[in-house]
Amino acid sequence: MKRVKKLAIGMVLLGQALSGVANAASTTLTGTNFDFTYDDTSMGLFGQPSVAGDTLFFTPINFDARSLNGVGYAFNNDTINLKVKAHTGQSFSNVSLVEKGDYLLLGAGSTAELGGQIRVFDNAMPLVDLTSNITTSGPLNVSGAPTRNWIANASVDVSSWNTARTLNVTLENLLLTSTIAPASLAFMEKKFVGLTFGSSTIAAVPEPETYAMMLAGLGLVGFMVSRRRNP
């Protein structure tokens, strides 16, 4: 009887594990010049993205950090990964990030900070990468209600990778608040994340047949000019 129970439990656990694997799905969104592929079970606090043109954007609703009444640091973070493939005739020029949210500081010693980075590499050369730190447009130090808006940016120039067809992009986000006194509050929330991919058109390379036709045409022109000079 015990063996039967153990077998049944093992089958249930195996079924749950297989179900988790089955539920993981690779999703692709199509932009104007690029395709964006990601695991839809790994978006975490960012939530599911949407695409507009060549901007992949997120609207998180539970990505926050809060510290109350002098408890010290409150920290929240998440990291996502995605692959971006250029359409035929297009190449990458840059990757830029814009993030937006709000914060609230009440009481002495309340602070709010934002950090993180974007990391990009060409799938054909994974050991070479480029990074950029995410920084806010100004200090987050205004106390009192109402909540205050913040904006943060980061950008990576990948124009030198003109042969890259697929980029791997990792986005790391950090939210940090702290309070050091009783009757104090520090709250910070991320509400928008937008990753925009700049593109440039790849100059078309003539096929061998085109070169042959061009050479033949030049030869014919040369022959006609020669005949006119020597009637």
Protein backbone atom coordinates (compact mmCIF):
# COMPACT_ATOMS: atom_id res chain seq x y z
CA MET A 1 0.00 0.00 0.00
CA LYS A 2 2.86 2.38 0.86
CA ARG A 3 4.51 1.62 -2.48
CA VAL A 4 1.29 2.45 -4.30
CA LYS A 5 1.03 5.78 -2.46
CA LYS A 6 4.65 6.64 -3.22
CA LEU A 7 4.12 5.73 -6.87
CA ALA A 8 0.99 7.89 -7.03
CA ILE A 9 2.79 10.84 -5.41
CA GLY A 10 5.71 10.41 -7.81
CA MET A 11 3.36 10.42 -10.80
CA VAL A 12 1.65 13.59 -9.55
CA LEU A 13 4.99 15.37 -9.09
CA LEU A 14 6.17 14.22 -12.51
CA GLY A 15 2.94 15.45 -14.05
CA GLN A 16 3.35 18.84 -12.41
CA ALA A 17 6.93 19.11 -13.63
CA LEU A 18 5.95 18.17 -17.19
CA SER A 19 3.02 20.57 -17.03
CA GLY A 20 5.38 23.40 -16.06
CA VAL A 21 7.61 22.60 -19.03
CA ALA A 22 4.63 22.41 -21.36
CA ASN A 23 3.28 25.74 -20.14
CA ALA A 24 6.53 27.53 -20.92
CA ALA A 25 6.09 29.01 -24.37
CA SER A 26 8.28 31.01 -26.70
CA THR A 27 6.34 34.01 -27.97
CA THR A 28 7.27 36.24 -30.91
CA LEU A 29 5.96 39.76 -31.56
CA THR A 30 6.54 41.35 -34.96
CA GLY A 31 7.64 44.96 -35.21
CA THR A 32 8.31 47.17 -38.21
CA ASN A 33 11.92 46.07 -38.74
CA PHE A 34 12.48 43.46 -36.01
CA ASP A 35 10.94 40.36 -34.42
CA PHE A 36 10.96 40.07 -30.60
CA THR A 37 11.06 36.59 -29.05
CA TYR A 38 10.79 35.82 -25.32
CA ASP A 39 9.64 33.17 -22.84
CA ASP A 40 6.20 34.30 -21.72
CA THR A 41 6.63 32.55 -18.33
CA SER A 42 9.80 34.52 -17.49
CA MET A 43 8.59 38.11 -17.66
CA GLY A 44 8.09 38.28 -13.89
CA LEU A 45 7.40 41.75 -12.50
CA PHE A 46 7.58 43.32 -15.97
CA GLY A 47 4.42 41.57 -17.18
CA GLN A 48 3.64 40.64 -20.76
CA PRO A 49 4.98 43.07 -23.39
CA SER A 50 3.37 44.70 -26.40
CA VAL A 51 4.99 46.12 -29.54
CA ALA A 52 4.49 49.41 -31.38
CA GLY A 53 6.71 50.00 -34.40
CA ASP A 54 10.13 48.84 -33.17
CA THR A 55 9.45 49.55 -29.48
CA LEU A 56 8.79 46.68 -27.10
CA PHE A 57 7.00 48.07 -24.04
CA PHE A 58 5.79 46.85 -20.66
CA THR A 59 3.30 48.33 -18.16
CA PRO A 60 4.10 46.73 -14.76
CA ILE A 61 1.50 46.96 -12.00
CA ASN A 62 3.30 45.36 -9.01
CA PHE A 63 6.93 46.39 -9.52
CA ASP A 64 7.59 48.49 -6.39
CA ALA A 65 9.69 48.88 -3.25
CA ARG A 66 8.41 50.30 0.05
CA SER A 67 10.01 51.02 3.42
CA LEU A 68 8.01 52.11 6.47
CA ASN A 69 8.83 53.59 9.88
CA GLY A 70 12.60 53.29 9.95
CA VAL A 71 12.89 49.61 8.97
CA GLY A 72 15.86 50.39 6.71
CA TYR A 73 16.28 49.17 3.15
CA ALA A 74 13.49 47.71 1.00
CA PHE A 75 14.69 46.18 -2.26
CA ASN A 76 12.96 44.78 -5.33
CA ASN A 77 14.48 43.61 -8.60
CA ASP A 78 13.85 41.54 -11.71
CA THR A 79 15.69 40.61 -14.90
CA ILE A 80 14.32 39.58 -18.29
CA ASN A 81 15.94 38.26 -21.44
CA LEU A 82 14.81 38.41 -25.06
CA LYS A 83 16.07 37.85 -28.60
CA VAL A 84 15.59 40.40 -31.36
CA LYS A 85 15.92 39.39 -35.02
CA ALA A 86 16.30 41.89 -37.85
CA HIS A 87 14.04 41.61 -40.88
CA THR A 88 15.61 41.03 -44.29
CA GLY A 89 17.47 44.13 -45.48
CA GLN A 90 17.69 45.69 -42.00
CA SER A 91 20.47 45.97 -39.43
CA PHE A 92 20.71 47.30 -35.86
CA SER A 93 21.92 50.81 -35.06
CA ASN A 94 21.13 51.26 -31.35
CA VAL A 95 19.11 50.01 -28.40
CA SER A 96 17.54 52.67 -26.16
CA LEU A 97 15.59 52.31 -22.94
CA VAL A 98 13.03 54.60 -21.30
CA GLU A 99 11.46 53.84 -17.93
CA LYS A 100 8.85 55.80 -15.98
CA GLY A 101 7.21 55.66 -12.58
CA ASP A 102 6.59 57.61 -9.40
CA TYR A 103 7.83 57.84 -5.82
CA LEU A 104 6.79 59.22 -2.44
CA LEU A 105 9.03 60.30 0.46
CA LEU A 106 7.65 61.24 3.90
CA GLY A 107 9.66 61.90 7.04
CA ALA A 108 13.35 62.48 7.70
CA GLY A 109 15.88 60.12 6.14
CA SER A 110 13.56 58.66 3.50
CA THR A 111 15.26 57.80 0.20
CA ALA A 112 14.44 56.22 -3.17
CA GLU A 113 16.90 55.02 -5.80
CA LEU A 114 16.77 53.22 -9.15
CA GLY A 115 19.45 51.13 -10.83
CA GLY A 116 20.14 48.34 -13.29
CA GLN A 117 21.49 47.99 -16.79
CA ILE A 118 20.89 46.69 -20.28
CA ARG A 119 23.35 44.17 -21.73
CA VAL A 120 23.46 43.36 -25.46
CA PHE A 121 25.42 40.84 -27.52
CA ASP A 122 25.34 39.49 -31.04
CA ASN A 123 24.20 35.85 -30.99
CA ALA A 124 26.94 35.06 -33.50
CA MET A 125 29.60 36.51 -31.11
CA PRO A 126 28.25 35.92 -27.57
CA LEU A 127 31.55 36.65 -25.78
CA VAL A 128 31.51 40.29 -26.91
CA ASP A 129 28.85 42.43 -25.25
CA LEU A 130 27.92 46.06 -24.63
CA THR A 131 26.29 47.45 -21.48
CA SER A 132 24.69 50.67 -20.33
CA ASN A 133 23.65 51.68 -16.80
CA ILE A 134 20.11 52.91 -16.21
CA THR A 135 20.09 56.39 -14.66
CA THR A 136 17.29 58.74 -13.67
CA SER A 137 17.03 62.16 -15.32
CA GLY A 138 17.35 63.84 -11.91
CA PRO A 139 17.65 63.07 -8.17
CA LEU A 140 14.67 61.49 -6.42
CA ASN A 141 14.72 63.72 -3.35
CA VAL A 142 11.49 65.72 -3.21
CA SER A 143 9.58 65.03 0.03
CA GLY A 144 5.87 65.22 0.65
CA ALA A 145 2.65 64.38 -1.16
CA PRO A 146 1.60 64.02 -3.89
CA THR A 147 3.71 61.35 -5.57
CA ARG A 148 6.46 62.59 -7.91
CA ASN A 149 7.16 61.27 -11.37
CA TRP A 150 10.57 59.94 -12.41
CA ILE A 151 12.11 59.06 -15.78
CA ALA A 152 15.20 56.91 -16.39
CA ASN A 153 17.21 56.15 -19.56
CA ALA A 154 19.94 53.95 -20.99
CA SER A 155 21.31 53.50 -24.53
CA VAL A 156 23.70 51.17 -26.35
CA ASP A 157 25.23 51.97 -29.75
CA VAL A 158 25.47 48.77 -31.82
CA SER A 159 25.97 50.38 -35.25
CA SER A 160 29.41 48.74 -35.54
CA TRP A 161 27.69 45.34 -35.52
CA ASN A 162 26.37 45.86 -39.05
CA THR A 163 26.44 42.12 -39.80
CA ALA A 164 24.44 41.11 -36.72
CA ARG A 165 21.18 39.36 -37.51
CA THR A 166 19.99 38.48 -33.98
CA LEU A 167 20.73 40.30 -30.73
CA ASN A 168 20.33 38.94 -27.21
CA VAL A 169 19.15 41.66 -24.81
CA THR A 170 19.13 41.36 -21.01
CA LEU A 171 17.33 44.02 -18.99
CA GLU A 172 18.01 44.25 -15.24
CA ASN A 173 15.96 46.56 -13.01
CA LEU A 174 16.53 47.53 -9.36
CA LEU A 175 14.28 49.55 -7.03
CA LEU A 176 15.60 50.60 -3.62
CA THR A 177 13.91 52.60 -0.84
CA SER A 178 14.90 53.19 2.77
CA THR A 179 13.72 54.85 5.99
CA ILE A 180 15.77 55.49 9.11
CA ALA A 181 13.25 57.21 11.41
CA PRO A 182 9.87 56.36 12.94
CA ALA A 183 6.78 57.79 11.24
CA SER A 184 8.55 57.82 7.86
CA LEU A 185 7.76 56.30 4.48
CA ALA A 186 9.60 55.68 1.21
CA PHE A 187 7.75 54.25 -1.78
CA MET A 188 8.82 53.79 -5.40
CA GLU A 189 7.03 52.12 -8.32
CA LYS A 190 7.88 51.32 -11.95
CA LYS A 191 4.95 51.84 -14.34
CA PHE A 192 6.40 51.83 -17.85
CA VAL A 193 9.37 50.23 -19.63
CA GLY A 194 10.09 50.83 -23.33
CA LEU A 195 12.92 49.27 -25.35
CA THR A 196 13.36 50.86 -28.78
CA PHE A 197 15.58 49.35 -31.49
CA GLY A 198 17.01 51.67 -34.12
CA SER A 199 17.48 50.29 -37.62
CA SER A 200 19.46 51.02 -40.76
CA THR A 201 18.98 49.63 -44.25
CA ILE A 202 21.57 47.21 -45.57
CA ALA A 203 22.82 48.14 -49.06
CA ALA A 204 21.78 45.46 -51.51
CA VAL A 205 24.69 43.38 -52.88
CA PRO A 206 24.28 42.56 -56.59
CA GLU A 207 24.02 38.88 -57.45
CA PRO A 208 26.76 37.32 -59.64
CA GLU A 209 24.32 37.28 -62.56
CA THR A 210 23.86 41.05 -62.16
CA TYR A 211 27.61 41.61 -62.27
CA ALA A 212 27.79 39.50 -65.44
CA MET A 213 25.06 41.53 -67.10
CA MET A 214 26.77 44.79 -66.10
CA LEU A 215 30.09 43.63 -67.54
CA ALA A 216 28.38 42.47 -70.72
CA GLY A 217 26.66 45.83 -71.05
CA LEU A 218 29.93 47.72 -70.54
CA GLY A 219 31.59 45.50 -73.13
CA LEU A 220 28.82 46.21 -75.62
CA VAL A 221 29.08 49.96 -75.02
CA GLY A 222 32.84 49.78 -75.49
CA PHE A 223 32.43 47.83 -78.74
CA MET A 224 29.95 50.39 -80.11
CA VAL A 225 32.25 53.30 -79.21
CA SER A 226 35.16 51.51 -80.87
CA ARG A 227 33.18 51.00 -84.11
CA ARG A 228 32.22 54.68 -84.23
CA ARG A 229 35.86 55.69 -83.91
CA ASN A 230 36.95 53.23 -86.61
CA PRO A 231 34.35 53.29 -89.43
